[in-house]
Amino acid sequence: MTINLTRRGFMAVSAGMLATPAIMATSRIAYAQAKPVRVGYIADYFGTSLTAIASDQGLWAKHGLEPELKVFTNGPIQIQALGAGSLDFGYVGPGALWLPASGKAKIVAMNALGLSDRVIAQAGINSMADLKGKKVGVPEGTSGDMLLRLALAKAGMQLSDVEVVKMDPSTVVSAFASKQIDGAGIWYPLVGVIGKTVPDLVEVAKSADFFPANSFPSAFVARNEVADADPELVKQMIAVLKDANDYRAADVPRSVEITAKFLGVPVEPLVTESKNGKFLTSAELAAATKDGTVAGWLKGLNEQFVTFGKLKDPLDPKDYYLAELYAG
């Protein structure tokens, strides 16, 4: 599914001007000179909010970009699209950050610290130990997968102690609702969606149980070839993300409304999701980049990926996070 919002972005910028002919002519020239860019997002609050704000506030045009926006169900698929050359930038949650750490993409900006993941279970299953031998659905390589592994380890269990069923997020929702699986590693707002059908579901683990010892940052990534060959495009993309990020940090409720309108979904599930995150300003993220905090987040994730068997020898964050472009 591809959504080209260039016209909507143009209307957002030009409507407030009711412009003189000279201003309108300048605006048309700016659009004519804008660089095309293909950007991926995931249709939830964390994965869409900055893209939605950038479109609503005319930030693409402000920074000389003409976006082709593409929706995906998860981060790993976006990394595949980057590798195939069909995407320039994408959004990934913490569970997919092993892919940049293995050299598949470059991180250009951090997004937020998320606490929205859950391990959920059917009624009567009240702990991780109760899930032993039972079917647990999980989208592989996602933050839901990561939380499941962390929660099993905390309970003194291994992944082999449960019957893992790999499925995409939408299938997790339908499978849990129809009781085809006993548990799931999934996240809000999907937990809220499931809860409408299965109101007695049990949250047996949540990402907040492991914070701050384990941080769960989401991020924006670039195709390696774009990062290497077109640093100016990367800078423009970072400028869009910084402006959108600061808009969100200043007014999360308004950003939820913008995101819901962009996605064409009710506001309520996104409100719940937004309450399960920490949103730093761009200045705070730049400072955290300079003082090594962000590198610490990424190294912590790398340690988990090695423990989980996802990676044997992850790259150092300095080799896949374009820290100087962001913090500079």
C-alpha atoms as a PDB file:
ATOM      1  CA  MET A   1       0.000   0.000   0.000  1.00  0.00           C
ATOM      2  CA  THR A   2       1.442   3.353  -1.037  1.00  0.00           C
ATOM      3  CA  ILE A   3       0.165   6.740   0.084  1.00  0.00           C
ATOM      4  CA  ASN A   4       1.471   9.815  -1.673  1.00  0.00           C
ATOM      5  CA  LEU A   5       0.687  12.831   0.453  1.00  0.00           C
ATOM      6  CA  THR A   6       2.441  15.468  -1.615  1.00  0.00           C
ATOM      7  CA  ARG A   7      -0.796  17.217  -2.549  1.00  0.00           C
ATOM      8  CA  ARG A   8      -2.063  17.149   1.029  1.00  0.00           C
ATOM      9  CA  GLY A   9       1.252  18.498   2.250  1.00  0.00           C
ATOM     10  CA  PHE A  10       1.035  21.264  -0.323  1.00  0.00           C
ATOM     11  CA  MET A  11      -2.460  22.192   0.796  1.00  0.00           C
ATOM     12  CA  ALA A  12      -1.368  22.242   4.441  1.00  0.00           C
ATOM     13  CA  VAL A  13       1.435  24.651   3.695  1.00  0.00           C
ATOM     14  CA  SER A  14      -0.359  26.896   1.256  1.00  0.00           C
ATOM     15  CA  ALA A  15      -3.761  27.134   2.950  1.00  0.00           C
ATOM     16  CA  GLY A  16      -2.430  29.236   5.805  1.00  0.00           C
ATOM     17  CA  MET A  17      -0.765  31.661   3.423  1.00  0.00           C
ATOM     18  CA  LEU A  18      -3.685  32.675   1.225  1.00  0.00           C
ATOM     19  CA  ALA A  19      -0.817  33.936  -0.516  1.00  0.00           C
ATOM     20  CA  THR A  20       0.267  36.738  -2.677  1.00  0.00           C
ATOM     21  CA  PRO A  21       1.113  35.574  -6.215  1.00  0.00           C
ATOM     22  CA  ALA A  22       4.815  35.919  -5.397  1.00  0.00           C
ATOM     23  CA  ILE A  23       4.546  33.647  -2.342  1.00  0.00           C
ATOM     24  CA  MET A  24       2.515  31.095  -4.276  1.00  0.00           C
ATOM     25  CA  ALA A  25       5.031  31.092  -7.089  1.00  0.00           C
ATOM     26  CA  THR A  26       7.849  30.582  -4.613  1.00  0.00           C
ATOM     27  CA  SER A  27       5.938  27.689  -3.037  1.00  0.00           C
ATOM     28  CA  ARG A  28       5.428  26.045  -6.443  1.00  0.00           C
ATOM     29  CA  ILE A  29       9.119  26.389  -7.223  1.00  0.00           C
ATOM     30  CA  ALA A  30      10.031  24.861  -3.858  1.00  0.00           C
ATOM     31  CA  TYR A  31       7.847  21.849  -4.580  1.00  0.00           C
ATOM     32  CA  ALA A  32       9.263  21.499  -8.061  1.00  0.00           C
ATOM     33  CA  GLN A  33      12.753  21.353  -6.580  1.00  0.00           C
ATOM     34  CA  ALA A  34      11.892  19.022  -3.707  1.00  0.00           C
ATOM     35  CA  LYS A  35      13.730  15.717  -3.509  1.00  0.00           C
ATOM     36  CA  PRO A  36      11.571  12.597  -3.756  1.00  0.00           C
ATOM     37  CA  VAL A  37      11.971  10.253  -0.805  1.00  0.00           C
ATOM     38  CA  ARG A  38      10.363   6.907   0.047  1.00  0.00           C
ATOM     39  CA  VAL A  39       9.521   6.549   3.721  1.00  0.00           C
ATOM     40  CA  GLY A  40       8.069   3.576   5.585  1.00  0.00           C
ATOM     41  CA  TYR A  41       5.961   3.590   8.733  1.00  0.00           C
ATOM     42  CA  ILE A  42       3.957   1.193  10.925  1.00  0.00           C
ATOM     43  CA  ALA A  43       0.272   1.927  11.514  1.00  0.00           C
ATOM     44  CA  ASP A  44       0.322   2.617  15.262  1.00  0.00           C
ATOM     45  CA  TYR A  45       1.142   5.674  17.358  1.00  0.00           C
ATOM     46  CA  PHE A  46       4.868   5.051  17.810  1.00  0.00           C
ATOM     47  CA  GLY A  47       5.319   4.033  14.193  1.00  0.00           C
ATOM     48  CA  THR A  48       3.228   6.756  12.562  1.00  0.00           C
ATOM     49  CA  SER A  49       3.133   9.860  14.759  1.00  0.00           C
ATOM     50  CA  LEU A  50       6.182  11.659  13.350  1.00  0.00           C
ATOM     51  CA  THR A  51       5.198  10.833   9.776  1.00  0.00           C
ATOM     52  CA  ALA A  52       1.648  12.061  10.436  1.00  0.00           C
ATOM     53  CA  ILE A  53       2.845  15.283  12.086  1.00  0.00           C
ATOM     54  CA  ALA A  54       5.289  15.965   9.249  1.00  0.00           C
ATOM     55  CA  SER A  55       2.437  15.596   6.754  1.00  0.00           C
ATOM     56  CA  ASP A  56      -0.056  17.625   8.803  1.00  0.00           C
ATOM     57  CA  GLN A  57       2.366  20.467   9.518  1.00  0.00           C
ATOM     58  CA  GLY A  58       3.955  20.716   6.065  1.00  0.00           C
ATOM     59  CA  LEU A  59       7.386  19.701   7.346  1.00  0.00           C
ATOM     60  CA  TRP A  60       8.307  17.667   4.276  1.00  0.00           C
ATOM     61  CA  ALA A  61       8.034  20.716   2.049  1.00  0.00           C
ATOM     62  CA  LYS A  62       9.721  22.918   4.644  1.00  0.00           C
ATOM     63  CA  HIS A  63      12.835  20.782   4.404  1.00  0.00           C
ATOM     64  CA  GLY A  64      12.724  20.230   0.638  1.00  0.00           C
ATOM     65  CA  LEU A  65      11.338  16.715   0.471  1.00  0.00           C
ATOM     66  CA  GLU A  66       8.481  15.164  -1.495  1.00  0.00           C
ATOM     67  CA  PRO A  67       7.509  11.938   0.303  1.00  0.00           C
ATOM     68  CA  GLU A  68       6.083   8.700  -0.953  1.00  0.00           C
ATOM     69  CA  LEU A  69       4.785   7.084   2.221  1.00  0.00           C
ATOM     70  CA  LYS A  70       4.452   3.313   2.520  1.00  0.00           C
ATOM     71  CA  VAL A  71       2.771   1.423   5.367  1.00  0.00           C
ATOM     72  CA  PHE A  72       4.232  -1.827   6.744  1.00  0.00           C
ATOM     73  CA  THR A  73       3.208  -4.261   9.466  1.00  0.00           C
ATOM     74  CA  ASN A  74       6.624  -4.477  11.159  1.00  0.00           C
ATOM     75  CA  GLY A  75      10.232  -3.325  11.136  1.00  0.00           C
ATOM     76  CA  PRO A  76      11.995  -6.374   9.644  1.00  0.00           C
ATOM     77  CA  ILE A  77       9.915  -6.120   6.472  1.00  0.00           C
ATOM     78  CA  GLN A  78      11.008  -2.495   6.127  1.00  0.00           C
ATOM     79  CA  ILE A  79      14.651  -3.513   6.485  1.00  0.00           C
ATOM     80  CA  GLN A  80      14.049  -6.000   3.651  1.00  0.00           C
ATOM     81  CA  ALA A  81      12.553  -3.199   1.554  1.00  0.00           C
ATOM     82  CA  LEU A  82      15.588  -1.010   2.273  1.00  0.00           C
ATOM     83  CA  GLY A  83      17.866  -3.829   1.168  1.00  0.00           C
ATOM     84  CA  ALA A  84      15.841  -4.360  -1.997  1.00  0.00           C
ATOM     85  CA  GLY A  85      16.135  -0.672  -2.873  1.00  0.00           C
ATOM     86  CA  SER A  86      12.382  -0.007  -2.737  1.00  0.00           C
ATOM     87  CA  LEU A  87      12.562   2.206   0.387  1.00  0.00           C
ATOM     88  CA  ASP A  88      14.912   4.977   1.502  1.00  0.00           C
ATOM     89  CA  PHE A  89      13.958   5.394   5.166  1.00  0.00           C
ATOM     90  CA  GLY A  90      11.879   3.353   7.573  1.00  0.00           C
ATOM     91  CA  TYR A  91      10.727   3.002  11.164  1.00  0.00           C
ATOM     92  CA  VAL A  92      11.668   0.061  13.408  1.00  0.00           C
ATOM     93  CA  GLY A  93      10.836  -0.888  16.968  1.00  0.00           C
ATOM     94  CA  PRO A  94      13.437  -2.183  19.432  1.00  0.00           C
ATOM     95  CA  GLY A  95      12.948  -5.812  18.467  1.00  0.00           C
ATOM     96  CA  ALA A  96      14.177  -5.126  14.920  1.00  0.00           C
ATOM     97  CA  LEU A  97      17.264  -3.136  15.915  1.00  0.00           C
ATOM     98  CA  TRP A  98      19.380  -6.272  15.625  1.00  0.00           C
ATOM     99  CA  LEU A  99      19.205  -5.730  11.867  1.00  0.00           C
ATOM    100  CA  PRO A 100      21.083  -2.381  11.865  1.00  0.00           C
ATOM    101  CA  ALA A 101      23.438  -3.959  14.397  1.00  0.00           C
ATOM    102  CA  SER A 102      24.182  -6.630  11.789  1.00  0.00           C
ATOM    103  CA  GLY A 103      24.882  -4.028   9.095  1.00  0.00           C
ATOM    104  CA  LYS A 104      21.545  -4.183   7.255  1.00  0.00           C
ATOM    105  CA  ALA A 105      20.756  -0.450   7.667  1.00  0.00           C
ATOM    106  CA  LYS A 106      21.885   2.738   9.400  1.00  0.00           C
ATOM    107  CA  ILE A 107      20.020   4.419  12.259  1.00  0.00           C
ATOM    108  CA  VAL A 108      19.480   8.119  11.497  1.00  0.00           C
ATOM    109  CA  ALA A 109      17.368   9.150  14.509  1.00  0.00           C
ATOM    110  CA  MET A 110      15.965   7.755  17.704  1.00  0.00           C
ATOM    111  CA  ASN A 111      12.196   7.973  18.083  1.00  0.00           C
ATOM    112  CA  ALA A 112      11.019   7.225  21.624  1.00  0.00           C
ATOM    113  CA  LEU A 113      11.402   4.851  24.529  1.00  0.00           C
ATOM    114  CA  GLY A 114       8.506   2.462  24.391  1.00  0.00           C
ATOM    115  CA  LEU A 115       6.833   0.620  27.255  1.00  0.00           C
ATOM    116  CA  SER A 116       3.865  -0.696  25.291  1.00  0.00           C
ATOM    117  CA  ASP A 117       4.821  -4.366  24.864  1.00  0.00           C
ATOM    118  CA  ARG A 118       3.061  -7.140  26.750  1.00  0.00           C
ATOM    119  CA  VAL A 119       2.995 -10.895  27.102  1.00  0.00           C
ATOM    120  CA  ILE A 120      -0.692 -11.669  27.331  1.00  0.00           C
ATOM    121  CA  ALA A 121      -2.475 -14.915  28.149  1.00  0.00           C
ATOM    122  CA  GLN A 122      -5.942 -16.387  28.159  1.00  0.00           C
ATOM    123  CA  ALA A 123      -7.964 -16.293  31.388  1.00  0.00           C
ATOM    124  CA  GLY A 124      -6.688 -18.743  33.979  1.00  0.00           C
ATOM    125  CA  ILE A 125      -3.050 -18.367  32.897  1.00  0.00           C
ATOM    126  CA  ASN A 126      -1.621 -16.016  35.483  1.00  0.00           C
ATOM    127  CA  SER A 127       2.157 -16.256  35.100  1.00  0.00           C
ATOM    128  CA  MET A 128       4.914 -17.082  32.655  1.00  0.00           C
ATOM    129  CA  ALA A 129       5.270 -20.464  34.375  1.00  0.00           C
ATOM    130  CA  ASP A 130       1.630 -21.179  33.533  1.00  0.00           C
ATOM    131  CA  LEU A 131       2.473 -20.786  29.829  1.00  0.00           C
ATOM    132  CA  LYS A 132       4.836 -23.777  29.869  1.00  0.00           C
ATOM    133  CA  GLY A 133       3.987 -26.146  27.031  1.00  0.00           C
ATOM    134  CA  LYS A 134       1.332 -23.812  25.661  1.00  0.00           C
ATOM    135  CA  LYS A 135       1.035 -22.071  22.284  1.00  0.00           C
ATOM    136  CA  VAL A 136       2.343 -18.505  22.239  1.00  0.00           C
ATOM    137  CA  GLY A 137       1.940 -16.372  19.120  1.00  0.00           C
ATOM    138  CA  VAL A 138       4.605 -13.789  18.353  1.00  0.00           C
ATOM    139  CA  PRO A 139       5.703 -11.681  15.379  1.00  0.00           C
ATOM    140  CA  GLU A 140       9.301 -12.817  14.954  1.00  0.00           C
ATOM    141  CA  GLY A 141      12.033 -10.213  15.355  1.00  0.00           C
ATOM    142  CA  THR A 142       9.773  -7.619  16.962  1.00  0.00           C
ATOM    143  CA  SER A 143       9.673  -6.017  20.390  1.00  0.00           C
ATOM    144  CA  GLY A 144       6.945  -8.512  21.320  1.00  0.00           C
ATOM    145  CA  ASP A 145       9.402 -11.311  20.569  1.00  0.00           C
ATOM    146  CA  MET A 146      12.040  -9.557  22.678  1.00  0.00           C
ATOM    147  CA  LEU A 147       9.732  -9.134  25.677  1.00  0.00           C
ATOM    148  CA  LEU A 148       8.652 -12.769  25.499  1.00  0.00           C
ATOM    149  CA  ARG A 149      12.291 -13.887  25.687  1.00  0.00           C
ATOM    150  CA  LEU A 150      13.078 -11.508  28.545  1.00  0.00           C
ATOM    151  CA  ALA A 151      10.020 -12.615  30.513  1.00  0.00           C
ATOM    152  CA  LEU A 152      10.828 -16.300  29.995  1.00  0.00           C
ATOM    153  CA  ALA A 153      14.409 -15.753  31.173  1.00  0.00           C
ATOM    154  CA  LYS A 154      13.219 -13.876  34.255  1.00  0.00           C
ATOM    155  CA  ALA A 155      10.954 -16.821  35.087  1.00  0.00           C
ATOM    156  CA  GLY A 156      13.878 -19.243  34.705  1.00  0.00           C
ATOM    157  CA  MET A 157      12.467 -20.615  31.453  1.00  0.00           C
ATOM    158  CA  GLN A 158      13.708 -21.027  27.881  1.00  0.00           C
ATOM    159  CA  LEU A 159      12.020 -20.349  24.572  1.00  0.00           C
ATOM    160  CA  SER A 160      11.711 -24.117  24.094  1.00  0.00           C
ATOM    161  CA  ASP A 161       9.507 -24.290  27.210  1.00  0.00           C
ATOM    162  CA  VAL A 162       6.638 -22.809  25.183  1.00  0.00           C
ATOM    163  CA  GLU A 163       5.335 -23.677  21.733  1.00  0.00           C
ATOM    164  CA  VAL A 164       6.190 -20.559  19.744  1.00  0.00           C
ATOM    165  CA  VAL A 165       3.894 -19.878  16.804  1.00  0.00           C
ATOM    166  CA  LYS A 166       5.343 -17.258  14.433  1.00  0.00           C
ATOM    167  CA  MET A 167       2.686 -14.993  12.955  1.00  0.00           C
ATOM    168  CA  ASP A 168       2.206 -11.421  11.845  1.00  0.00           C
ATOM    169  CA  PRO A 169       0.602  -8.918  14.266  1.00  0.00           C
ATOM    170  CA  SER A 170      -2.881  -9.010  12.726  1.00  0.00           C
ATOM    171  CA  THR A 171      -2.891 -12.788  12.865  1.00  0.00           C
ATOM    172  CA  VAL A 172      -1.927 -12.666  16.559  1.00  0.00           C
ATOM    173  CA  VAL A 173      -5.041 -10.551  17.178  1.00  0.00           C
ATOM    174  CA  SER A 174      -7.413 -12.948  15.418  1.00  0.00           C
ATOM    175  CA  ALA A 175      -5.722 -16.096  16.743  1.00  0.00           C
ATOM    176  CA  PHE A 176      -5.853 -14.924  20.355  1.00  0.00           C
ATOM    177  CA  ALA A 177      -9.460 -13.752  20.016  1.00  0.00           C
ATOM    178  CA  SER A 178     -10.478 -17.161  18.627  1.00  0.00           C
ATOM    179  CA  LYS A 179      -8.434 -18.964  21.320  1.00  0.00           C
ATOM    180  CA  GLN A 180      -6.195 -20.695  18.786  1.00  0.00           C
ATOM    181  CA  ILE A 181      -3.232 -19.600  20.919  1.00  0.00           C
ATOM    182  CA  ASP A 182      -2.847 -19.489  24.690  1.00  0.00           C
ATOM    183  CA  GLY A 183      -0.584 -16.459  24.868  1.00  0.00           C
ATOM    184  CA  ALA A 184       1.133 -13.808  22.776  1.00  0.00           C
ATOM    185  CA  GLY A 185       4.039 -11.410  22.720  1.00  0.00           C
ATOM    186  CA  ILE A 186       2.394  -8.269  21.345  1.00  0.00           C
ATOM    187  CA  TRP A 187       1.975  -4.553  22.026  1.00  0.00           C
ATOM    188  CA  TYR A 188      -0.505  -1.727  22.439  1.00  0.00           C
ATOM    189  CA  PRO A 189      -2.717  -0.663  20.726  1.00  0.00           C
ATOM    190  CA  LEU A 190      -3.200  -4.267  19.575  1.00  0.00           C
ATOM    191  CA  VAL A 191      -3.516  -5.450  23.183  1.00  0.00           C
ATOM    192  CA  GLY A 192      -6.399  -3.018  23.545  1.00  0.00           C
ATOM    193  CA  VAL A 193      -7.983  -4.311  20.337  1.00  0.00           C
ATOM    194  CA  ILE A 194      -7.734  -7.887  21.608  1.00  0.00           C
ATOM    195  CA  GLY A 195      -9.140  -6.817  24.976  1.00  0.00           C
ATOM    196  CA  LYS A 196     -12.412  -5.723  23.370  1.00  0.00           C
ATOM    197  CA  THR A 197     -13.026  -9.322  22.290  1.00  0.00           C
ATOM    198  CA  VAL A 198     -11.279 -11.029  25.202  1.00  0.00           C
ATOM    199  CA  PRO A 199     -11.855  -8.696  28.167  1.00  0.00           C
ATOM    200  CA  ASP A 200     -10.553 -11.220  30.695  1.00  0.00           C
ATOM    201  CA  LEU A 201      -7.114 -11.577  29.081  1.00  0.00           C
ATOM    202  CA  VAL A 202      -4.192 -11.528  31.538  1.00  0.00           C
ATOM    203  CA  GLU A 203      -1.085  -9.380  31.137  1.00  0.00           C
ATOM    204  CA  VAL A 204       1.590 -11.704  32.538  1.00  0.00           C
ATOM    205  CA  ALA A 205       4.560  -9.473  31.623  1.00  0.00           C
ATOM    206  CA  LYS A 206       5.114  -5.918  30.455  1.00  0.00           C
ATOM    207  CA  SER A 207       8.128  -3.987  29.200  1.00  0.00           C
ATOM    208  CA  ALA A 208       8.009  -1.686  32.234  1.00  0.00           C
ATOM    209  CA  ASP A 209       8.996  -4.728  34.333  1.00  0.00           C
ATOM    210  CA  PHE A 210      12.468  -4.525  32.778  1.00  0.00           C
ATOM    211  CA  PHE A 211      12.972  -0.738  32.593  1.00  0.00           C
ATOM    212  CA  PRO A 212      15.382   1.030  33.080  1.00  0.00           C
ATOM    213  CA  ALA A 213      17.810  -1.915  33.217  1.00  0.00           C
ATOM    214  CA  ASN A 214      16.558  -2.680  29.712  1.00  0.00           C
ATOM    215  CA  SER A 215      15.565   0.186  27.437  1.00  0.00           C
ATOM    216  CA  PHE A 216      13.303  -0.245  24.436  1.00  0.00           C
ATOM    217  CA  PRO A 217      14.050   2.543  21.930  1.00  0.00           C
ATOM    218  CA  SER A 218      12.437   2.735  18.526  1.00  0.00           C
ATOM    219  CA  ALA A 219      14.273   4.418  15.674  1.00  0.00           C
ATOM    220  CA  PHE A 220      14.329   5.582  12.086  1.00  0.00           C
ATOM    221  CA  VAL A 221      16.676   3.852   9.682  1.00  0.00           C
ATOM    222  CA  ALA A 222      18.124   4.523   6.248  1.00  0.00           C
ATOM    223  CA  ARG A 223      19.179   2.307   3.385  1.00  0.00           C
ATOM    224  CA  ASN A 224      22.952   1.858   3.548  1.00  0.00           C
ATOM    225  CA  GLU A 225      23.411   3.220   0.032  1.00  0.00           C
ATOM    226  CA  VAL A 226      21.451   6.381   0.887  1.00  0.00           C
ATOM    227  CA  ALA A 227      23.475   6.932   4.059  1.00  0.00           C
ATOM    228  CA  ASP A 228      26.743   6.490   2.157  1.00  0.00           C
ATOM    229  CA  ALA A 229      25.952   8.347  -1.058  1.00  0.00           C
ATOM    230  CA  ASP A 230      23.531  11.118  -0.061  1.00  0.00           C
ATOM    231  CA  PRO A 231      24.274  12.567   3.389  1.00  0.00           C
ATOM    232  CA  GLU A 232      22.421  15.734   2.407  1.00  0.00           C
ATOM    233  CA  LEU A 233      19.195  13.740   1.981  1.00  0.00           C
ATOM    234  CA  VAL A 234      19.810  12.143   5.367  1.00  0.00           C
ATOM    235  CA  LYS A 235      20.224  15.592   6.925  1.00  0.00           C
ATOM    236  CA  GLN A 236      16.947  16.748   5.378  1.00  0.00           C
ATOM    237  CA  MET A 237      15.175  13.670   6.716  1.00  0.00           C
ATOM    238  CA  ILE A 238      16.644  14.217  10.179  1.00  0.00           C
ATOM    239  CA  ALA A 239      15.467  17.848  10.083  1.00  0.00           C
ATOM    240  CA  VAL A 240      11.909  16.696   9.340  1.00  0.00           C
ATOM    241  CA  LEU A 241      12.043  14.140  12.156  1.00  0.00           C
ATOM    242  CA  LYS A 242      13.436  16.643  14.661  1.00  0.00           C
ATOM    243  CA  ASP A 243      10.710  19.201  13.950  1.00  0.00           C
ATOM    244  CA  ALA A 244       7.987  16.541  14.142  1.00  0.00           C
ATOM    245  CA  ASN A 245       9.517  15.077  17.300  1.00  0.00           C
ATOM    246  CA  ASP A 246       9.497  18.419  19.084  1.00  0.00           C
ATOM    247  CA  TYR A 247       5.895  19.055  18.035  1.00  0.00           C
ATOM    248  CA  ARG A 248       4.942  15.687  19.549  1.00  0.00           C
ATOM    249  CA  ALA A 249       6.939  16.217  22.747  1.00  0.00           C
ATOM    250  CA  ALA A 250       5.262  19.602  23.258  1.00  0.00           C
ATOM    251  CA  ASP A 251       1.707  18.312  22.750  1.00  0.00           C
ATOM    252  CA  VAL A 252       1.253  14.544  22.858  1.00  0.00           C
ATOM    253  CA  PRO A 253      -2.591  14.704  22.957  1.00  0.00           C
ATOM    254  CA  ARG A 254      -2.674  16.829  19.800  1.00  0.00           C
ATOM    255  CA  SER A 255      -0.184  14.487  18.116  1.00  0.00           C
ATOM    256  CA  VAL A 256      -2.484  11.561  18.936  1.00  0.00           C
ATOM    257  CA  GLU A 257      -5.368  13.330  17.193  1.00  0.00           C
ATOM    258  CA  ILE A 258      -3.221  14.028  14.141  1.00  0.00           C
ATOM    259  CA  THR A 259      -2.064  10.410  14.013  1.00  0.00           C
ATOM    260  CA  ALA A 260      -5.583   9.026  14.367  1.00  0.00           C
ATOM    261  CA  LYS A 261      -6.792  11.256  11.531  1.00  0.00           C
ATOM    262  CA  PHE A 262      -3.853  10.231   9.346  1.00  0.00           C
ATOM    263  CA  LEU A 263      -4.524   6.526   9.942  1.00  0.00           C
ATOM    264  CA  GLY A 264      -8.313   6.862   9.841  1.00  0.00           C
ATOM    265  CA  VAL A 265      -8.706   5.098  13.194  1.00  0.00           C
ATOM    266  CA  PRO A 266     -10.364   5.963  16.548  1.00  0.00           C
ATOM    267  CA  VAL A 267      -8.364   8.127  18.930  1.00  0.00           C
ATOM    268  CA  GLU A 268      -8.807   5.993  22.067  1.00  0.00           C
ATOM    269  CA  PRO A 269      -6.413   3.107  21.285  1.00  0.00           C
ATOM    270  CA  LEU A 270      -3.687   5.581  20.332  1.00  0.00           C
ATOM    271  CA  VAL A 271      -4.228   7.507  23.573  1.00  0.00           C
ATOM    272  CA  THR A 272      -3.540   4.298  25.495  1.00  0.00           C
ATOM    273  CA  GLU A 273      -0.456   3.567  23.397  1.00  0.00           C
ATOM    274  CA  SER A 274       0.884   7.093  23.853  1.00  0.00           C
ATOM    275  CA  LYS A 275       0.750   6.671  27.628  1.00  0.00           C
ATOM    276  CA  ASN A 276       3.177   3.760  27.347  1.00  0.00           C
ATOM    277  CA  GLY A 277       6.141   5.754  26.129  1.00  0.00           C
ATOM    278  CA  LYS A 278       8.742   8.356  27.012  1.00  0.00           C
ATOM    279  CA  PHE A 279       9.062  11.162  24.472  1.00  0.00           C
ATOM    280  CA  LEU A 280      12.261  13.174  24.634  1.00  0.00           C
ATOM    281  CA  THR A 281      12.817  16.445  22.771  1.00  0.00           C
ATOM    282  CA  SER A 282      15.336  16.547  19.933  1.00  0.00           C
ATOM    283  CA  ALA A 283      17.698  18.533  22.140  1.00  0.00           C
ATOM    284  CA  GLU A 284      17.458  15.823  24.797  1.00  0.00           C
ATOM    285  CA  LEU A 285      18.070  13.106  22.207  1.00  0.00           C
ATOM    286  CA  ALA A 286      21.057  15.032  20.844  1.00  0.00           C
ATOM    287  CA  ALA A 287      22.471  15.385  24.361  1.00  0.00           C
ATOM    288  CA  ALA A 288      21.867  11.672  25.002  1.00  0.00           C
ATOM    289  CA  THR A 289      23.694  10.950  21.754  1.00  0.00           C
ATOM    290  CA  LYS A 290      26.696  13.062  22.716  1.00  0.00           C
ATOM    291  CA  ASP A 291      27.060  11.712  26.265  1.00  0.00           C
ATOM    292  CA  GLY A 292      26.841   8.066  25.211  1.00  0.00           C
ATOM    293  CA  THR A 293      23.368   7.347  26.601  1.00  0.00           C
ATOM    294  CA  VAL A 294      21.984   6.307  23.209  1.00  0.00           C
ATOM    295  CA  ALA A 295      25.007   4.100  22.575  1.00  0.00           C
ATOM    296  CA  GLY A 296      24.277   2.516  25.956  1.00  0.00           C
ATOM    297  CA  TRP A 297      20.696   1.753  24.905  1.00  0.00           C
ATOM    298  CA  LEU A 298      21.920   0.125  21.708  1.00  0.00           C
ATOM    299  CA  LYS A 299      24.687  -1.845  23.418  1.00  0.00           C
ATOM    300  CA  GLY A 300      22.147  -3.117  25.935  1.00  0.00           C
ATOM    301  CA  LEU A 301      19.947  -4.328  23.092  1.00  0.00           C
ATOM    302  CA  ASN A 302      22.954  -5.937  21.401  1.00  0.00           C
ATOM    303  CA  GLU A 303      23.664  -7.919  24.563  1.00  0.00           C
ATOM    304  CA  GLN A 304      20.087  -9.167  24.524  1.00  0.00           C
ATOM    305  CA  PHE A 305      20.310 -10.090  20.843  1.00  0.00           C
ATOM    306  CA  VAL A 306      23.459 -12.119  21.513  1.00  0.00           C
ATOM    307  CA  THR A 307      21.806 -13.846  24.485  1.00  0.00           C
ATOM    308  CA  PHE A 308      18.741 -14.616  22.371  1.00  0.00           C
ATOM    309  CA  GLY A 309      20.891 -16.026  19.564  1.00  0.00           C
ATOM    310  CA  LYS A 310      19.870 -13.329  17.068  1.00  0.00           C
ATOM    311  CA  LEU A 311      23.460 -12.095  16.664  1.00  0.00           C
ATOM    312  CA  LYS A 312      26.903 -13.513  17.327  1.00  0.00           C
ATOM    313  CA  ASP A 313      29.057 -10.430  16.835  1.00  0.00           C
ATOM    314  CA  PRO A 314      27.003  -7.181  16.655  1.00  0.00           C
ATOM    315  CA  LEU A 315      28.535  -4.016  15.326  1.00  0.00           C
ATOM    316  CA  ASP A 316      29.465  -1.219  17.692  1.00  0.00           C
ATOM    317  CA  PRO A 317      26.686   1.432  17.707  1.00  0.00           C
ATOM    318  CA  LYS A 318      29.133   4.012  16.287  1.00  0.00           C
ATOM    319  CA  ASP A 319      29.226   1.917  13.105  1.00  0.00           C
ATOM    320  CA  TYR A 320      25.466   1.925  12.472  1.00  0.00           C
ATOM    321  CA  TYR A 321      24.057   4.991  14.294  1.00  0.00           C
ATOM    322  CA  LEU A 322      24.788   8.214  12.397  1.00  0.00           C
ATOM    323  CA  ALA A 323      25.272  10.068  15.657  1.00  0.00           C
ATOM    324  CA  GLU A 324      27.254  12.982  14.257  1.00  0.00           C
ATOM    325  CA  LEU A 325      24.581  13.806  11.684  1.00  0.00           C
ATOM    326  CA  TYR A 326      21.881  13.785  14.362  1.00  0.00           C
ATOM    327  CA  ALA A 327      23.702  15.494  17.206  1.00  0.00           C
ATOM    328  CA  GLY A 328      25.534  17.915  14.917  1.00  0.00           C
END
